[in-house]
Amino acid sequence: MIGRIRGILVHKQAPLILVEVGGVGYELQVPMTTLFQLPALGEEVSLVTHFVVREDAQLLYGFVEEADRSLFRLLIKVSGVGPKLALTILSGMDSRSFARCVQRDDISSLVALPGVGKKTAERLLVEMRDKLKDTLSQVDAADGEMGSGAALAPLADIVLDAEGALVTLGYKPQEASRMVAAVNDDSVVASEELIRRALKATVRA
């Protein structure tokens, strides 16, 4: 099983990237949460991976954060959730954001993601609660550390990242721009938060 890849990033076009290792190019599918953290083309990248073998394909999924890979592996064990849907969920929120949804029974944020219906969202909340005990215990502590001296990304970059993520999730560029503009305010410090707000507002509309 391929558990980690380190090489030169030679191509990235969501959700696919290509990493060259010793002259061999490995194609990986990555969530938007990972795509935002990748270096520029031509630079070295290291990713933890999950390898899936099917009758018709061999697929490699990559993640910058070990927590995201762990969540991916838990998600694909839930009935009705395959690798594609798990990748969609992780494109809309990282592992901590997902844990917050489970902690707060926030079904609306899950239903806002493409391909996640109400029954699937309810199943996720029930089945993942016990599996995410360790993560849930860290959510409050992580929230307390947010913004404690860390450099904030420029607002323009945050907006562009959020719009790009929504387009990857299936929304049209103009629609993504409208969604982001409707929920953007001075309190936003990360693209993930902007994405979550936009998706949640779509459910209420």
Protein backbone atom coordinates (compact mmCIF):
# COMPACT_ATOMS: atom_id res chain seq x y z
CA MET A 1 0.00 0.00 0.00
CA ILE A 2 1.31 3.47 -0.89
CA GLY A 3 1.19 5.52 2.30
CA ARG A 4 3.23 8.61 1.43
CA ILE A 5 4.59 10.35 -1.64
CA ARG A 6 7.32 12.96 -1.81
CA GLY A 7 8.39 14.50 -5.09
CA ILE A 8 8.09 17.46 -7.42
CA LEU A 9 4.66 18.94 -8.08
CA VAL A 10 4.39 19.20 -11.86
CA HIS A 11 0.66 19.72 -12.42
CA LYS A 12 -2.42 20.70 -10.46
CA GLN A 13 -5.93 21.02 -11.81
CA ALA A 14 -8.55 20.29 -9.18
CA PRO A 15 -9.17 17.64 -8.14
CA LEU A 16 -6.13 16.05 -9.86
CA ILE A 17 -2.45 16.71 -9.27
CA LEU A 18 0.68 15.06 -10.67
CA VAL A 19 3.75 14.42 -8.52
CA GLU A 20 6.99 13.26 -10.15
CA VAL A 21 9.01 10.81 -8.06
CA GLY A 22 12.25 9.47 -9.53
CA GLY A 23 11.10 10.08 -13.09
CA VAL A 24 7.67 8.51 -12.55
CA GLY A 25 4.56 10.70 -12.44
CA TYR A 26 1.94 9.75 -9.85
CA GLU A 27 -1.58 11.07 -10.39
CA LEU A 28 -3.47 11.82 -7.20
CA GLN A 29 -6.92 13.11 -6.42
CA VAL A 30 -6.93 15.69 -3.63
CA PRO A 31 -9.64 17.69 -1.80
CA MET A 32 -9.68 21.48 -2.04
CA THR A 33 -8.46 21.70 1.56
CA THR A 34 -5.24 20.07 0.39
CA LEU A 35 -5.05 21.91 -2.95
CA PHE A 36 -4.96 25.27 -1.12
CA GLN A 37 -1.89 24.15 0.83
CA LEU A 38 0.17 22.88 -2.11
CA PRO A 39 3.39 24.69 -3.11
CA ALA A 40 4.00 26.22 -6.53
CA LEU A 41 4.63 23.98 -9.55
CA GLY A 42 8.22 22.79 -9.67
CA GLU A 43 8.58 22.69 -5.89
CA GLU A 44 8.79 19.64 -3.65
CA VAL A 45 5.64 18.36 -2.00
CA SER A 46 5.03 15.61 0.54
CA LEU A 47 1.60 14.02 0.92
CA VAL A 48 0.15 11.19 2.96
CA THR A 49 -1.92 8.96 0.68
CA HIS A 50 -4.71 6.41 0.52
CA PHE A 51 -4.58 3.79 -2.22
CA VAL A 52 -7.80 2.28 -3.60
CA VAL A 53 -7.80 -0.74 -5.92
CA ARG A 54 -10.93 -1.46 -7.94
CA GLU A 55 -11.65 -3.89 -10.75
CA ASP A 56 -11.51 -1.09 -13.31
CA ALA A 57 -9.00 1.32 -11.75
CA GLN A 58 -6.27 1.98 -9.20
CA LEU A 59 -6.78 5.35 -7.51
CA LEU A 60 -4.48 7.34 -5.25
CA TYR A 61 -5.79 10.05 -2.93
CA GLY A 62 -3.47 12.61 -1.35
CA PHE A 63 -3.65 14.82 1.74
CA VAL A 64 -1.35 17.37 3.33
CA GLU A 65 -2.79 16.76 6.78
CA GLU A 66 -2.82 13.34 8.44
CA ALA A 67 -6.11 14.31 10.13
CA ASP A 68 -7.77 14.75 6.72
CA ARG A 69 -6.61 11.32 5.55
CA SER A 70 -7.87 9.76 8.78
CA LEU A 71 -11.26 11.40 8.28
CA PHE A 72 -11.33 10.26 4.63
CA ARG A 73 -10.76 6.67 5.76
CA LEU A 74 -13.54 6.92 8.32
CA LEU A 75 -15.95 8.48 5.84
CA ILE A 76 -15.59 5.75 3.21
CA LYS A 77 -16.58 3.18 5.82
CA VAL A 78 -19.98 4.84 6.23
CA SER A 79 -22.74 3.20 4.21
CA GLY A 80 -23.48 5.19 1.06
CA VAL A 81 -20.24 7.20 1.20
CA GLY A 82 -17.56 6.27 -1.34
CA PRO A 83 -14.19 7.91 -2.06
CA LYS A 84 -15.72 10.45 -4.46
CA LEU A 85 -18.26 11.73 -1.92
CA ALA A 86 -15.67 11.66 0.87
CA LEU A 87 -13.43 13.86 -1.29
CA THR A 88 -16.34 16.25 -1.88
CA ILE A 89 -16.98 16.50 1.87
CA LEU A 90 -13.31 17.24 2.53
CA SER A 91 -13.33 19.84 -0.24
CA GLY A 92 -16.06 21.72 1.58
CA MET A 93 -14.55 21.45 5.07
CA ASP A 94 -11.42 20.17 6.77
CA SER A 95 -11.38 17.59 9.56
CA ARG A 96 -11.87 20.17 12.34
CA SER A 97 -14.81 21.81 10.55
CA PHE A 98 -16.40 18.40 10.02
CA ALA A 99 -15.93 17.62 13.70
CA ARG A 100 -17.71 20.86 14.56
CA CYS A 101 -20.65 19.81 12.36
CA VAL A 102 -20.86 16.50 14.22
CA GLN A 103 -20.49 18.20 17.60
CA ARG A 104 -23.29 20.66 16.84
CA ASP A 105 -25.52 18.27 14.83
CA ASP A 106 -25.14 20.77 11.99
CA ILE A 107 -26.98 18.86 9.29
CA SER A 108 -27.52 21.95 7.11
CA SER A 109 -23.81 22.42 6.37
CA LEU A 110 -23.53 18.79 5.27
CA VAL A 111 -26.65 18.85 3.11
CA ALA A 112 -25.28 21.94 1.35
CA LEU A 113 -22.45 19.84 -0.10
CA PRO A 114 -23.13 18.36 -3.57
CA GLY A 115 -24.20 14.72 -3.36
CA VAL A 116 -25.00 14.77 0.36
CA GLY A 117 -28.70 14.22 0.92
CA LYS A 118 -30.54 14.53 4.20
CA LYS A 119 -30.45 10.79 4.96
CA THR A 120 -26.73 10.58 4.24
CA ALA A 121 -26.07 13.64 6.40
CA GLU A 122 -28.08 12.15 9.28
CA ARG A 123 -26.19 8.87 8.94
CA LEU A 124 -22.87 10.73 9.00
CA LEU A 125 -23.77 12.60 12.18
CA VAL A 126 -24.81 9.41 13.96
CA GLU A 127 -22.04 7.09 12.80
CA MET A 128 -19.18 9.57 13.03
CA ARG A 129 -19.87 10.85 16.54
CA ASP A 130 -18.19 7.93 18.31
CA LYS A 131 -15.43 7.65 15.71
CA LEU A 132 -14.44 11.30 16.16
CA LYS A 133 -14.25 11.41 19.96
CA ASP A 134 -10.56 12.38 19.99
CA THR A 135 -11.05 15.06 17.35
CA LEU A 136 -14.12 16.46 19.08
CA SER A 137 -12.18 16.82 22.33
CA GLN A 138 -9.66 19.01 20.50
CA VAL A 139 -12.12 21.29 18.70
CA ASP A 140 -12.62 23.77 21.55
CA ALA A 141 -8.88 24.01 22.20
CA ALA A 142 -8.18 24.57 18.51
CA ASP A 143 -10.85 27.28 18.34
CA GLY A 144 -9.21 29.05 21.26
CA GLU A 145 -5.90 29.16 19.42
CA MET A 146 -7.33 30.62 16.19
CA GLY A 147 -5.81 33.96 15.41
CA SER A 148 -3.37 33.94 18.34
CA GLY A 149 -0.49 35.53 16.47
CA ALA A 150 -0.79 33.65 13.19
CA ALA A 151 -0.47 35.70 10.02
CA LEU A 152 -3.74 36.13 8.20
CA ALA A 153 -4.06 35.66 4.47
CA PRO A 154 -5.06 38.73 2.42
CA LEU A 155 -8.82 39.02 2.04
CA ALA A 156 -8.57 38.96 -1.77
CA ASP A 157 -6.79 35.59 -1.63
CA ILE A 158 -9.35 34.21 0.79
CA VAL A 159 -12.19 35.24 -1.52
CA LEU A 160 -10.52 33.76 -4.61
CA ASP A 161 -9.80 30.49 -2.80
CA ALA A 162 -13.39 30.24 -1.59
CA GLU A 163 -14.80 30.95 -5.05
CA GLY A 164 -12.46 28.37 -6.59
CA ALA A 165 -13.55 25.74 -4.09
CA LEU A 166 -17.23 26.36 -4.82
CA VAL A 167 -16.59 26.06 -8.56
CA THR A 168 -14.86 22.73 -7.96
CA LEU A 169 -17.88 21.60 -5.94
CA GLY A 170 -20.06 22.17 -9.00
CA TYR A 171 -21.23 25.78 -8.83
CA LYS A 172 -20.85 28.13 -11.81
CA PRO A 173 -18.20 30.89 -11.45
CA GLN A 174 -20.75 33.74 -11.36
CA GLU A 175 -22.90 31.83 -8.88
CA ALA A 176 -19.85 31.15 -6.69
CA SER A 177 -18.95 34.85 -6.70
CA ARG A 178 -22.47 35.83 -5.66
CA MET A 179 -22.52 33.22 -2.88
CA VAL A 180 -19.21 34.42 -1.44
CA ALA A 181 -20.07 38.11 -1.72
CA ALA A 182 -23.35 37.54 0.13
CA VAL A 183 -21.65 36.17 3.25
CA ASN A 184 -18.30 37.99 3.20
CA ASP A 185 -17.57 40.42 6.02
CA ASP A 186 -14.60 41.72 8.00
CA SER A 187 -14.74 38.84 10.49
CA VAL A 188 -13.68 36.20 7.94
CA VAL A 189 -10.04 35.10 8.38
CA ALA A 190 -9.93 31.89 6.32
CA SER A 191 -11.34 30.63 3.03
CA GLU A 192 -12.73 27.52 4.76
CA GLU A 193 -14.95 29.72 6.94
CA LEU A 194 -16.16 31.63 3.88
CA ILE A 195 -16.98 28.38 2.07
CA ARG A 196 -18.89 27.06 5.08
CA ARG A 197 -20.93 30.27 5.35
CA ALA A 198 -21.72 30.27 1.63
CA LEU A 199 -22.90 26.65 1.67
CA LYS A 200 -24.96 27.18 4.80
CA ALA A 201 -26.63 30.26 3.30
CA THR A 202 -27.52 28.24 0.21
CA VAL A 203 -29.44 25.76 2.34
CA ARG A 204 -31.42 28.52 4.03
CA ALA A 205 -32.29 30.21 0.70
